[in-house]
Amino acid sequence: MLAVLLAAVAPSQVSAQESADLSPLAHGSGETASPATLTVNESISFDLASLTPKKQPETELPDGVGPSIVVDTDSPAAIDPDRYRSLGSRMAAAKWETLGLFAYITATQAYWTDDTTSFHFKDEGWFGKNTNNLGIDKLTHAFNAYLFAEFLGARIAHKTDDRAAAALPAALLSTALQFYGELWDGHKSDSGFSYQDIVFNTAGAAFSVLRHTVPGLEEKLDFRLMMVPNSHVYSFKGKEHYEQQHFLLSLELAGFDGLKTGPFRLVELQVGYRGKDFTNADIAAGKEPKRDIFFGVALNIKELFFKNSRSRVGRMIGSGLNYFQIPYTGLYDNY
């Protein structure tokens, strides 16, 4: 349903395929992935760049009709510069998108919530070997909040023509939506309201702010998710689902002025986090859970094939590659 909403508000940049798994990572720590967040199985491709309005040719009034006035026909901010000056007005610029995400979270949480209890807190830990998912679920919260903030920021910038100023209101909206989803977890018998989840929700949204307010950072650094196929190709929920998820920070050399034209523009330097041998079957077999911070070098697929794409599909794919890493396109150390 979220994919349909995104397609409706920005049809040129969203394409999704819904699945039974409604979240790339769970809000809770149980076997079932929480639906309060975006699904990894949804092949979401945001062409966020296309959401920022392109400057249209300037229009002049005909001769003899008053003074010669130059009007920017595509910039709402130019027509009413005070309209989006306050933080609240910029947040309101994405009110319908935010309401759509709110409805999505409500519907999916209601569908997937089975056993409930009174509101309670739960200390889920961080990245220890004794945690349910080695902390991978915490990075999911960060990633989902980051995606929400990126989408809402692009929508706000579409109306205000200022992506940097859109970053903070988008992050606040994203954090609020994730907080709402966490309230649902607080009533689940197999989960609970986790302050660790809140910390990572905030961190993911804050990274979006950083990426769009530090000059040049957006072109250089991405936060991505790579889903590595397993023996079932894709697991829709549970620990097997988490084990497939590798989170990455990717440094694009193409973002540096001195490397934009040479062969190094096709290189990305990456660092990530992953875990394995923590499923119930692994524990029963006596395996010790393994966590790993890994490093690698990857091919910049976006730069190679979609840098100057003229088609809508090409731009969608190129934008999606800012958020999702294609498996087997990089070399990583083993563990």
C-alpha atoms as a PDB file:
ATOM      1  CA  MET A   1       0.000   0.000   0.000  1.00  0.00           C
ATOM      2  CA  LEU A   2       2.908   2.344   0.740  1.00  0.00           C
ATOM      3  CA  ALA A   3       4.259   1.711  -2.732  1.00  0.00           C
ATOM      4  CA  VAL A   4       0.906   2.710  -4.233  1.00  0.00           C
ATOM      5  CA  LEU A   5       0.894   5.880  -2.148  1.00  0.00           C
ATOM      6  CA  LEU A   6       4.379   6.826  -3.218  1.00  0.00           C
ATOM      7  CA  ALA A   7       3.539   6.177  -6.840  1.00  0.00           C
ATOM      8  CA  ALA A   8       0.479   8.387  -6.525  1.00  0.00           C
ATOM      9  CA  VAL A   9       2.293  11.379  -5.070  1.00  0.00           C
ATOM     10  CA  ALA A  10       5.376  11.058  -7.250  1.00  0.00           C
ATOM     11  CA  PRO A  11       4.597   8.751 -10.189  1.00  0.00           C
ATOM     12  CA  SER A  12       7.803   9.517 -12.015  1.00  0.00           C
ATOM     13  CA  GLN A  13      10.069   8.233  -9.338  1.00  0.00           C
ATOM     14  CA  VAL A  14       8.447   5.347  -7.461  1.00  0.00           C
ATOM     15  CA  SER A  15       8.021   1.752  -8.420  1.00  0.00           C
ATOM     16  CA  ALA A  16       7.187  -0.973  -5.931  1.00  0.00           C
ATOM     17  CA  GLN A  17       6.279  -4.611  -5.681  1.00  0.00           C
ATOM     18  CA  GLU A  18       4.609  -5.527  -2.448  1.00  0.00           C
ATOM     19  CA  SER A  19       5.285  -8.787  -0.685  1.00  0.00           C
ATOM     20  CA  ALA A  20       4.146 -10.650   2.363  1.00  0.00           C
ATOM     21  CA  ASP A  21       7.005  -9.131   4.351  1.00  0.00           C
ATOM     22  CA  LEU A  22       6.039  -5.583   5.233  1.00  0.00           C
ATOM     23  CA  SER A  23       9.377  -4.506   6.686  1.00  0.00           C
ATOM     24  CA  PRO A  24      13.057  -4.982   5.817  1.00  0.00           C
ATOM     25  CA  LEU A  25      13.734  -5.193   9.522  1.00  0.00           C
ATOM     26  CA  ALA A  26      11.497  -5.610  12.506  1.00  0.00           C
ATOM     27  CA  HIS A  27      10.600  -3.010  15.079  1.00  0.00           C
ATOM     28  CA  GLY A  28      10.511  -5.729  17.665  1.00  0.00           C
ATOM     29  CA  SER A  29      12.969  -8.447  18.471  1.00  0.00           C
ATOM     30  CA  GLY A  30      10.825 -11.494  17.734  1.00  0.00           C
ATOM     31  CA  GLU A  31      10.732 -13.791  14.768  1.00  0.00           C
ATOM     32  CA  THR A  32       8.198 -11.751  12.823  1.00  0.00           C
ATOM     33  CA  ALA A  33       9.277  -8.653  10.986  1.00  0.00           C
ATOM     34  CA  SER A  34       7.343  -5.572  12.043  1.00  0.00           C
ATOM     35  CA  PRO A  35       5.277  -3.943   9.341  1.00  0.00           C
ATOM     36  CA  ALA A  36       5.730  -0.423  10.630  1.00  0.00           C
ATOM     37  CA  THR A  37       8.595   0.114   8.267  1.00  0.00           C
ATOM     38  CA  LEU A  38       9.336  -0.147   4.584  1.00  0.00           C
ATOM     39  CA  THR A  39       9.785  -3.599   3.123  1.00  0.00           C
ATOM     40  CA  VAL A  40      12.999  -4.672   1.537  1.00  0.00           C
ATOM     41  CA  ASN A  41      11.070  -7.031  -0.700  1.00  0.00           C
ATOM     42  CA  GLU A  42       9.346  -3.986  -2.171  1.00  0.00           C
ATOM     43  CA  SER A  43      11.592  -2.997  -5.021  1.00  0.00           C
ATOM     44  CA  ILE A  44      11.386   0.664  -4.220  1.00  0.00           C
ATOM     45  CA  SER A  45      13.149   3.091  -6.501  1.00  0.00           C
ATOM     46  CA  PHE A  46      12.981   6.741  -5.615  1.00  0.00           C
ATOM     47  CA  ASP A  47      14.033   9.148  -8.328  1.00  0.00           C
ATOM     48  CA  LEU A  48      14.442  11.765  -5.646  1.00  0.00           C
ATOM     49  CA  ALA A  49      16.379  14.092  -7.913  1.00  0.00           C
ATOM     50  CA  SER A  50      13.371  14.442 -10.170  1.00  0.00           C
ATOM     51  CA  LEU A  51      11.278  15.679  -7.262  1.00  0.00           C
ATOM     52  CA  THR A  52      13.269  18.908  -7.109  1.00  0.00           C
ATOM     53  CA  PRO A  53      11.710  21.299  -9.591  1.00  0.00           C
ATOM     54  CA  LYS A  54      13.705  22.126 -12.678  1.00  0.00           C
ATOM     55  CA  LYS A  55      13.906  25.752 -13.605  1.00  0.00           C
ATOM     56  CA  GLN A  56      11.640  26.576 -16.531  1.00  0.00           C
ATOM     57  CA  PRO A  57      12.278  29.241 -19.131  1.00  0.00           C
ATOM     58  CA  GLU A  58      11.546  32.691 -17.844  1.00  0.00           C
ATOM     59  CA  THR A  59       8.403  34.378 -19.093  1.00  0.00           C
ATOM     60  CA  GLU A  60       8.149  38.059 -19.899  1.00  0.00           C
ATOM     61  CA  LEU A  61       4.942  40.017 -20.309  1.00  0.00           C
ATOM     62  CA  PRO A  62       4.242  41.197 -23.868  1.00  0.00           C
ATOM     63  CA  ASP A  63       5.406  44.632 -24.862  1.00  0.00           C
ATOM     64  CA  GLY A  64       2.908  47.332 -24.004  1.00  0.00           C
ATOM     65  CA  VAL A  65       1.301  45.365 -21.182  1.00  0.00           C
ATOM     66  CA  GLY A  66       2.616  47.106 -18.088  1.00  0.00           C
ATOM     67  CA  PRO A  67       6.269  47.081 -17.122  1.00  0.00           C
ATOM     68  CA  SER A  68       8.548  44.255 -18.216  1.00  0.00           C
ATOM     69  CA  ILE A  69       8.310  41.737 -15.369  1.00  0.00           C
ATOM     70  CA  VAL A  70      10.289  38.493 -15.297  1.00  0.00           C
ATOM     71  CA  VAL A  71       8.428  35.632 -13.628  1.00  0.00           C
ATOM     72  CA  ASP A  72       9.806  32.226 -12.665  1.00  0.00           C
ATOM     73  CA  THR A  73       6.771  30.123 -13.550  1.00  0.00           C
ATOM     74  CA  ASP A  74       7.864  26.973 -11.721  1.00  0.00           C
ATOM     75  CA  SER A  75       8.957  28.159  -8.279  1.00  0.00           C
ATOM     76  CA  PRO A  76       6.252  28.506  -5.599  1.00  0.00           C
ATOM     77  CA  ALA A  77       8.822  30.041  -3.282  1.00  0.00           C
ATOM     78  CA  ALA A  78       9.486  32.793  -5.820  1.00  0.00           C
ATOM     79  CA  ILE A  79       5.776  33.607  -6.012  1.00  0.00           C
ATOM     80  CA  ASP A  80       5.347  33.639  -2.217  1.00  0.00           C
ATOM     81  CA  PRO A  81       8.733  33.774  -0.479  1.00  0.00           C
ATOM     82  CA  ASP A  82       7.195  33.826   3.000  1.00  0.00           C
ATOM     83  CA  ARG A  83       5.017  30.773   2.544  1.00  0.00           C
ATOM     84  CA  TYR A  84       7.614  28.184   3.622  1.00  0.00           C
ATOM     85  CA  ARG A  85       9.794  30.319   5.869  1.00  0.00           C
ATOM     86  CA  SER A  86       8.901  28.619   9.168  1.00  0.00           C
ATOM     87  CA  LEU A  87       9.680  25.073  10.211  1.00  0.00           C
ATOM     88  CA  GLY A  88       5.997  24.311  10.650  1.00  0.00           C
ATOM     89  CA  SER A  89       5.106  25.512   7.170  1.00  0.00           C
ATOM     90  CA  ARG A  90       7.784  23.285   5.646  1.00  0.00           C
ATOM     91  CA  MET A  91       6.506  20.294   7.589  1.00  0.00           C
ATOM     92  CA  ALA A  92       2.983  21.087   6.398  1.00  0.00           C
ATOM     93  CA  ALA A  93       4.230  20.998   2.810  1.00  0.00           C
ATOM     94  CA  ALA A  94       4.350  17.183   3.135  1.00  0.00           C
ATOM     95  CA  LYS A  95       1.160  16.768   5.148  1.00  0.00           C
ATOM     96  CA  TRP A  96      -0.562  14.449   2.685  1.00  0.00           C
ATOM     97  CA  GLU A  97       2.505  12.262   2.233  1.00  0.00           C
ATOM     98  CA  THR A  98       2.888  12.071   6.007  1.00  0.00           C
ATOM     99  CA  LEU A  99      -0.771  11.148   6.455  1.00  0.00           C
ATOM    100  CA  GLY A 100      -0.358   8.474   3.817  1.00  0.00           C
ATOM    101  CA  LEU A 101       2.607   6.960   5.652  1.00  0.00           C
ATOM    102  CA  PHE A 102       0.684   7.190   8.918  1.00  0.00           C
ATOM    103  CA  ALA A 103      -2.223   5.273   7.370  1.00  0.00           C
ATOM    104  CA  TYR A 104       0.183   2.682   5.973  1.00  0.00           C
ATOM    105  CA  ILE A 105       1.777   2.098   9.378  1.00  0.00           C
ATOM    106  CA  THR A 106      -1.636   1.851  11.041  1.00  0.00           C
ATOM    107  CA  ALA A 107      -3.012  -0.632   8.521  1.00  0.00           C
ATOM    108  CA  THR A 108       0.022  -2.893   8.458  1.00  0.00           C
ATOM    109  CA  GLN A 109       0.533  -2.863  12.217  1.00  0.00           C
ATOM    110  CA  ALA A 110      -3.122  -3.717  12.773  1.00  0.00           C
ATOM    111  CA  TYR A 111      -2.864  -6.581  10.293  1.00  0.00           C
ATOM    112  CA  TRP A 112       0.303  -8.107  11.737  1.00  0.00           C
ATOM    113  CA  THR A 113      -0.359  -7.565  15.436  1.00  0.00           C
ATOM    114  CA  ASP A 114      -1.676 -10.778  17.024  1.00  0.00           C
ATOM    115  CA  ASP A 115      -1.138 -11.204  20.746  1.00  0.00           C
ATOM    116  CA  THR A 116      -1.325  -7.931  22.624  1.00  0.00           C
ATOM    117  CA  THR A 117      -0.839  -6.922  26.229  1.00  0.00           C
ATOM    118  CA  SER A 118      -0.697  -3.732  28.242  1.00  0.00           C
ATOM    119  CA  PHE A 119       1.877  -1.177  27.218  1.00  0.00           C
ATOM    120  CA  HIS A 120       5.354  -2.144  28.396  1.00  0.00           C
ATOM    121  CA  PHE A 121       9.007  -1.412  27.794  1.00  0.00           C
ATOM    122  CA  LYS A 122      11.637  -3.910  26.717  1.00  0.00           C
ATOM    123  CA  ASP A 123      15.408  -3.645  26.881  1.00  0.00           C
ATOM    124  CA  GLU A 124      16.460  -5.309  23.619  1.00  0.00           C
ATOM    125  CA  GLY A 125      20.165  -4.581  23.912  1.00  0.00           C
ATOM    126  CA  TRP A 126      22.386  -3.263  21.139  1.00  0.00           C
ATOM    127  CA  PHE A 127      24.773  -5.432  19.116  1.00  0.00           C
ATOM    128  CA  GLY A 128      25.706  -8.130  21.604  1.00  0.00           C
ATOM    129  CA  LYS A 129      25.855 -11.823  20.765  1.00  0.00           C
ATOM    130  CA  ASN A 130      23.133 -12.395  23.338  1.00  0.00           C
ATOM    131  CA  THR A 131      20.643 -10.184  21.455  1.00  0.00           C
ATOM    132  CA  ASN A 132      17.997 -11.743  19.246  1.00  0.00           C
ATOM    133  CA  ASN A 133      19.359 -10.444  15.953  1.00  0.00           C
ATOM    134  CA  LEU A 134      22.888  -9.206  16.756  1.00  0.00           C
ATOM    135  CA  GLY A 135      21.723  -5.605  16.390  1.00  0.00           C
ATOM    136  CA  ILE A 136      20.773  -5.928  12.733  1.00  0.00           C
ATOM    137  CA  ASP A 137      17.209  -5.012  13.658  1.00  0.00           C
ATOM    138  CA  LYS A 138      18.531  -1.754  15.115  1.00  0.00           C
ATOM    139  CA  LEU A 139      20.134  -0.828  11.812  1.00  0.00           C
ATOM    140  CA  THR A 140      16.787  -1.551  10.171  1.00  0.00           C
ATOM    141  CA  HIS A 141      15.181   1.145  12.277  1.00  0.00           C
ATOM    142  CA  ALA A 142      17.897   3.562  11.232  1.00  0.00           C
ATOM    143  CA  PHE A 143      17.530   2.635   7.568  1.00  0.00           C
ATOM    144  CA  ASN A 144      13.745   2.889   7.536  1.00  0.00           C
ATOM    145  CA  ALA A 145      13.779   6.272   9.279  1.00  0.00           C
ATOM    146  CA  TYR A 146      16.407   7.375   6.778  1.00  0.00           C
ATOM    147  CA  LEU A 147      14.219   6.302   3.831  1.00  0.00           C
ATOM    148  CA  PHE A 148      11.187   8.084   5.252  1.00  0.00           C
ATOM    149  CA  ALA A 149      13.225  11.250   5.751  1.00  0.00           C
ATOM    150  CA  GLU A 150      14.679  11.081   2.244  1.00  0.00           C
ATOM    151  CA  PHE A 151      11.261  10.674   0.649  1.00  0.00           C
ATOM    152  CA  LEU A 152       9.553  13.365   2.700  1.00  0.00           C
ATOM    153  CA  GLY A 153      12.494  15.715   2.211  1.00  0.00           C
ATOM    154  CA  ALA A 154      12.257  15.329  -1.543  1.00  0.00           C
ATOM    155  CA  ARG A 155       8.540  16.063  -1.453  1.00  0.00           C
ATOM    156  CA  ILE A 156       9.031  19.188   0.686  1.00  0.00           C
ATOM    157  CA  ALA A 157      11.829  20.390  -1.602  1.00  0.00           C
ATOM    158  CA  HIS A 158       9.537  19.897  -4.586  1.00  0.00           C
ATOM    159  CA  LYS A 159       7.323  22.645  -3.164  1.00  0.00           C
ATOM    160  CA  THR A 160       9.905  24.883  -1.484  1.00  0.00           C
ATOM    161  CA  ASP A 161      12.773  24.597  -3.974  1.00  0.00           C
ATOM    162  CA  ASP A 162      15.245  24.199  -1.080  1.00  0.00           C
ATOM    163  CA  ARG A 163      16.474  20.678  -0.358  1.00  0.00           C
ATOM    164  CA  ALA A 164      18.747  21.674   2.523  1.00  0.00           C
ATOM    165  CA  ALA A 165      15.946  23.524   4.339  1.00  0.00           C
ATOM    166  CA  ALA A 166      13.670  20.514   3.761  1.00  0.00           C
ATOM    167  CA  ALA A 167      16.015  18.105   5.561  1.00  0.00           C
ATOM    168  CA  LEU A 168      15.155  18.967   9.176  1.00  0.00           C
ATOM    169  CA  PRO A 169      11.337  19.041   8.838  1.00  0.00           C
ATOM    170  CA  ALA A 170      11.487  15.753   6.914  1.00  0.00           C
ATOM    171  CA  ALA A 171      13.611  14.176   9.645  1.00  0.00           C
ATOM    172  CA  LEU A 172      11.221  15.327  12.358  1.00  0.00           C
ATOM    173  CA  LEU A 173       8.256  13.870  10.490  1.00  0.00           C
ATOM    174  CA  SER A 174      10.098  10.603   9.900  1.00  0.00           C
ATOM    175  CA  THR A 175      11.080  10.297  13.553  1.00  0.00           C
ATOM    176  CA  ALA A 176       7.499  10.956  14.631  1.00  0.00           C
ATOM    177  CA  LEU A 177       6.181   8.270  12.290  1.00  0.00           C
ATOM    178  CA  GLN A 178       8.707   5.745  13.587  1.00  0.00           C
ATOM    179  CA  PHE A 179       7.809   6.673  17.155  1.00  0.00           C
ATOM    180  CA  TYR A 180       4.174   5.959  16.337  1.00  0.00           C
ATOM    181  CA  GLY A 181       5.131   2.529  15.029  1.00  0.00           C
ATOM    182  CA  GLU A 182       7.098   1.854  18.196  1.00  0.00           C
ATOM    183  CA  LEU A 183       3.985   2.566  20.278  1.00  0.00           C
ATOM    184  CA  TRP A 184       2.387  -0.418  18.576  1.00  0.00           C
ATOM    185  CA  ASP A 185       5.369  -2.566  19.546  1.00  0.00           C
ATOM    186  CA  GLY A 186       4.832  -1.496  23.145  1.00  0.00           C
ATOM    187  CA  HIS A 187       1.547  -3.425  23.150  1.00  0.00           C
ATOM    188  CA  LYS A 188       2.864  -6.624  21.545  1.00  0.00           C
ATOM    189  CA  SER A 189       3.386  -9.590  23.828  1.00  0.00           C
ATOM    190  CA  ASP A 190       6.490 -10.729  21.923  1.00  0.00           C
ATOM    191  CA  SER A 191       8.035  -7.269  21.798  1.00  0.00           C
ATOM    192  CA  GLY A 192       7.895  -3.984  23.683  1.00  0.00           C
ATOM    193  CA  PHE A 193       8.680  -0.310  23.473  1.00  0.00           C
ATOM    194  CA  SER A 194      12.450  -0.197  23.040  1.00  0.00           C
ATOM    195  CA  TYR A 195      14.495   2.928  23.658  1.00  0.00           C
ATOM    196  CA  GLN A 196      17.255   1.351  21.546  1.00  0.00           C
ATOM    197  CA  ASP A 197      14.875   1.437  18.588  1.00  0.00           C
ATOM    198  CA  ILE A 198      14.112   5.097  19.270  1.00  0.00           C
ATOM    199  CA  VAL A 199      17.829   5.939  19.308  1.00  0.00           C
ATOM    200  CA  PHE A 200      18.398   4.330  15.918  1.00  0.00           C
ATOM    201  CA  ASN A 201      15.248   5.837  14.428  1.00  0.00           C
ATOM    202  CA  THR A 202      16.610   9.232  15.369  1.00  0.00           C
ATOM    203  CA  ALA A 203      20.081   8.399  14.069  1.00  0.00           C
ATOM    204  CA  GLY A 204      18.757   7.343  10.656  1.00  0.00           C
ATOM    205  CA  ALA A 205      16.720  10.512  10.242  1.00  0.00           C
ATOM    206  CA  ALA A 206      19.658  12.621  11.456  1.00  0.00           C
ATOM    207  CA  PHE A 207      21.927  11.096   8.831  1.00  0.00           C
ATOM    208  CA  SER A 208      19.516  12.281   6.150  1.00  0.00           C
ATOM    209  CA  VAL A 209      19.799  15.809   7.563  1.00  0.00           C
ATOM    210  CA  LEU A 210      23.582  15.590   7.556  1.00  0.00           C
ATOM    211  CA  ARG A 211      23.664  14.295   4.005  1.00  0.00           C
ATOM    212  CA  HIS A 212      21.662  17.218   2.646  1.00  0.00           C
ATOM    213  CA  THR A 213      23.061  20.075   4.717  1.00  0.00           C
ATOM    214  CA  VAL A 214      26.792  19.398   4.404  1.00  0.00           C
ATOM    215  CA  PRO A 215      27.815  20.675   0.948  1.00  0.00           C
ATOM    216  CA  GLY A 216      28.856  17.874  -1.386  1.00  0.00           C
ATOM    217  CA  LEU A 217      28.081  15.024   1.003  1.00  0.00           C
ATOM    218  CA  GLU A 218      24.999  13.838  -0.895  1.00  0.00           C
ATOM    219  CA  GLU A 219      27.134  13.103  -3.972  1.00  0.00           C
ATOM    220  CA  LYS A 220      29.766  11.243  -1.948  1.00  0.00           C
ATOM    221  CA  LEU A 221      28.172   9.154   0.814  1.00  0.00           C
ATOM    222  CA  ASP A 222      25.221   6.736   0.746  1.00  0.00           C
ATOM    223  CA  PHE A 223      23.560   4.585   3.422  1.00  0.00           C
ATOM    224  CA  ARG A 224      22.472   1.363   1.724  1.00  0.00           C
ATOM    225  CA  LEU A 225      20.970  -2.050   2.299  1.00  0.00           C
ATOM    226  CA  MET A 226      22.193  -5.130   0.459  1.00  0.00           C
ATOM    227  CA  MET A 227      20.028  -8.248   0.546  1.00  0.00           C
ATOM    228  CA  VAL A 228      22.216 -11.320   0.014  1.00  0.00           C
ATOM    229  CA  PRO A 229      20.277 -14.324  -1.357  1.00  0.00           C
ATOM    230  CA  ASN A 230      20.191 -17.459   0.803  1.00  0.00           C
ATOM    231  CA  SER A 231      19.219 -21.055   0.051  1.00  0.00           C
ATOM    232  CA  HIS A 232      15.593 -19.922  -0.287  1.00  0.00           C
ATOM    233  CA  VAL A 233      16.670 -16.917  -2.363  1.00  0.00           C
ATOM    234  CA  TYR A 234      14.653 -14.643  -0.081  1.00  0.00           C
ATOM    235  CA  SER A 235      13.275 -15.158   3.421  1.00  0.00           C
ATOM    236  CA  PHE A 236      10.261 -13.040   4.234  1.00  0.00           C
ATOM    237  CA  LYS A 237      10.575 -12.897   8.005  1.00  0.00           C
ATOM    238  CA  GLY A 238      12.412 -14.100  11.060  1.00  0.00           C
ATOM    239  CA  LYS A 239      16.110 -14.469  11.747  1.00  0.00           C
ATOM    240  CA  GLU A 240      16.785 -15.849   8.267  1.00  0.00           C
ATOM    241  CA  HIS A 241      15.485 -12.553   6.922  1.00  0.00           C
ATOM    242  CA  TYR A 242      17.839 -10.566   9.147  1.00  0.00           C
ATOM    243  CA  GLU A 243      20.785 -12.747   8.212  1.00  0.00           C
ATOM    244  CA  GLN A 244      20.382 -11.702   4.581  1.00  0.00           C
ATOM    245  CA  GLN A 245      20.669  -8.031   5.394  1.00  0.00           C
ATOM    246  CA  HIS A 246      24.000  -6.274   5.081  1.00  0.00           C
ATOM    247  CA  PHE A 247      24.052  -2.556   5.825  1.00  0.00           C
ATOM    248  CA  LEU A 248      26.613  -0.362   4.119  1.00  0.00           C
ATOM    249  CA  LEU A 249      28.089   3.107   4.082  1.00  0.00           C
ATOM    250  CA  SER A 250      29.338   3.656   0.553  1.00  0.00           C
ATOM    251  CA  LEU A 251      31.815   6.356  -0.460  1.00  0.00           C
ATOM    252  CA  GLU A 252      31.452   7.211  -4.154  1.00  0.00           C
ATOM    253  CA  LEU A 253      34.716   8.426  -5.685  1.00  0.00           C
ATOM    254  CA  ALA A 254      32.677   9.934  -8.528  1.00  0.00           C
ATOM    255  CA  GLY A 255      31.530  12.559  -6.043  1.00  0.00           C
ATOM    256  CA  PHE A 256      34.990  14.121  -5.848  1.00  0.00           C
ATOM    257  CA  ASP A 257      35.848  16.782  -8.419  1.00  0.00           C
ATOM    258  CA  GLY A 258      39.230  15.362  -9.288  1.00  0.00           C
ATOM    259  CA  LEU A 259      37.833  11.876  -9.973  1.00  0.00           C
ATOM    260  CA  LYS A 260      34.671  12.671 -11.938  1.00  0.00           C
ATOM    261  CA  THR A 261      36.127  11.850 -15.349  1.00  0.00           C
ATOM    262  CA  GLY A 262      38.763   9.191 -14.700  1.00  0.00           C
ATOM    263  CA  PRO A 263      38.326   5.435 -14.215  1.00  0.00           C
ATOM    264  CA  PHE A 264      38.165   5.813 -10.421  1.00  0.00           C
ATOM    265  CA  ARG A 265      34.700   7.336 -10.826  1.00  0.00           C
ATOM    266  CA  LEU A 266      33.446   3.753 -11.138  1.00  0.00           C
ATOM    267  CA  VAL A 267      34.848   2.769  -7.713  1.00  0.00           C
ATOM    268  CA  GLU A 268      33.061   2.806  -4.368  1.00  0.00           C
ATOM    269  CA  LEU A 269      34.737   2.206  -1.009  1.00  0.00           C
ATOM    270  CA  GLN A 270      32.408   0.545   1.467  1.00  0.00           C
ATOM    271  CA  VAL A 271      32.170  -0.437   5.120  1.00  0.00           C
ATOM    272  CA  GLY A 272      29.299  -2.463   6.495  1.00  0.00           C
ATOM    273  CA  TYR A 273      27.816  -4.610   9.242  1.00  0.00           C
ATOM    274  CA  ARG A 274      26.433  -8.153   9.014  1.00  0.00           C
ATOM    275  CA  GLY A 275      25.781 -11.232  11.125  1.00  0.00           C
ATOM    276  CA  LYS A 276      25.338 -14.963  10.711  1.00  0.00           C
ATOM    277  CA  ASP A 277      24.829 -18.233  12.594  1.00  0.00           C
ATOM    278  CA  PHE A 278      22.209 -16.749  14.918  1.00  0.00           C
ATOM    279  CA  THR A 279      19.060 -18.469  13.643  1.00  0.00           C
ATOM    280  CA  ASN A 280      17.247 -20.942  15.872  1.00  0.00           C
ATOM    281  CA  ALA A 281      18.583 -23.831  13.794  1.00  0.00           C
ATOM    282  CA  ASP A 282      22.133 -22.526  14.134  1.00  0.00           C
ATOM    283  CA  ILE A 283      21.821 -22.163  17.893  1.00  0.00           C
ATOM    284  CA  ALA A 284      20.360 -25.679  18.192  1.00  0.00           C
ATOM    285  CA  ALA A 285      23.316 -26.999  16.195  1.00  0.00           C
ATOM    286  CA  GLY A 286      25.721 -25.426  18.653  1.00  0.00           C
ATOM    287  CA  LYS A 287      27.018 -22.694  16.367  1.00  0.00           C
ATOM    288  CA  GLU A 288      28.272 -19.477  17.866  1.00  0.00           C
ATOM    289  CA  PRO A 289      26.665 -16.289  16.495  1.00  0.00           C
ATOM    290  CA  LYS A 290      29.054 -14.139  14.501  1.00  0.00           C
ATOM    291  CA  ARG A 291      29.011 -10.357  14.007  1.00  0.00           C
ATOM    292  CA  ASP A 292      31.242  -8.599  11.551  1.00  0.00           C
ATOM    293  CA  ILE A 293      32.237  -5.106  10.467  1.00  0.00           C
ATOM    294  CA  PHE A 294      33.449  -5.647   6.924  1.00  0.00           C
ATOM    295  CA  PHE A 295      35.165  -3.629   4.218  1.00  0.00           C
ATOM    296  CA  GLY A 296      34.989  -3.802   0.467  1.00  0.00           C
ATOM    297  CA  VAL A 297      35.360  -2.232  -2.954  1.00  0.00           C
ATOM    298  CA  ALA A 298      32.317  -2.087  -5.244  1.00  0.00           C
ATOM    299  CA  LEU A 299      31.472  -1.121  -8.797  1.00  0.00           C
ATOM    300  CA  ASN A 300      29.448   2.076  -9.148  1.00  0.00           C
ATOM    301  CA  ILE A 301      26.591   0.697 -11.242  1.00  0.00           C
ATOM    302  CA  LYS A 302      24.751   4.012 -11.219  1.00  0.00           C
ATOM    303  CA  GLU A 303      27.751   5.871 -12.647  1.00  0.00           C
ATOM    304  CA  LEU A 304      28.379   3.150 -15.221  1.00  0.00           C
ATOM    305  CA  PHE A 305      24.875   2.723 -16.630  1.00  0.00           C
ATOM    306  CA  PHE A 306      22.473   5.379 -15.312  1.00  0.00           C
ATOM    307  CA  LYS A 307      24.430   8.603 -14.824  1.00  0.00           C
ATOM    308  CA  ASN A 308      22.792  10.533 -17.659  1.00  0.00           C
ATOM    309  CA  SER A 309      19.777   8.346 -18.319  1.00  0.00           C
ATOM    310  CA  ARG A 310      17.038  10.074 -20.313  1.00  0.00           C
ATOM    311  CA  SER A 311      14.347   7.515 -19.555  1.00  0.00           C
ATOM    312  CA  ARG A 312      12.146   7.583 -16.477  1.00  0.00           C
ATOM    313  CA  VAL A 313      12.931   3.941 -15.723  1.00  0.00           C
ATOM    314  CA  GLY A 314      16.654   4.619 -15.942  1.00  0.00           C
ATOM    315  CA  ARG A 315      16.400   7.556 -13.549  1.00  0.00           C
ATOM    316  CA  MET A 316      14.320   5.471 -11.157  1.00  0.00           C
ATOM    317  CA  ILE A 317      16.902   2.697 -11.125  1.00  0.00           C
ATOM    318  CA  GLY A 318      19.764   5.140 -10.750  1.00  0.00           C
ATOM    319  CA  SER A 319      18.106   6.817  -7.800  1.00  0.00           C
ATOM    320  CA  GLY A 320      17.264   3.489  -6.192  1.00  0.00           C
ATOM    321  CA  LEU A 321      20.924   2.533  -6.295  1.00  0.00           C
ATOM    322  CA  ASN A 322      21.567   5.319  -3.784  1.00  0.00           C
ATOM    323  CA  TYR A 323      19.698   3.203  -1.225  1.00  0.00           C
ATOM    324  CA  PHE A 324      20.013  -0.439  -2.263  1.00  0.00           C
ATOM    325  CA  GLN A 325      23.219  -2.275  -3.135  1.00  0.00           C
ATOM    326  CA  ILE A 326      22.997  -4.980  -5.794  1.00  0.00           C
ATOM    327  CA  PRO A 327      24.539  -8.220  -4.453  1.00  0.00           C
ATOM    328  CA  TYR A 328      27.735  -9.525  -6.062  1.00  0.00           C
ATOM    329  CA  THR A 329      28.779  -6.126  -7.419  1.00  0.00           C
ATOM    330  CA  GLY A 330      31.558  -5.712  -4.871  1.00  0.00           C
ATOM    331  CA  LEU A 331      34.465  -7.564  -3.272  1.00  0.00           C
ATOM    332  CA  TYR A 332      34.271  -7.947   0.515  1.00  0.00           C
ATOM    333  CA  ASP A 333      36.406  -9.634   3.156  1.00  0.00           C
ATOM    334  CA  ASN A 334      35.163 -13.016   4.342  1.00  0.00           C
ATOM    335  CA  TYR A 335      34.209 -13.991   7.867  1.00  0.00           C
END
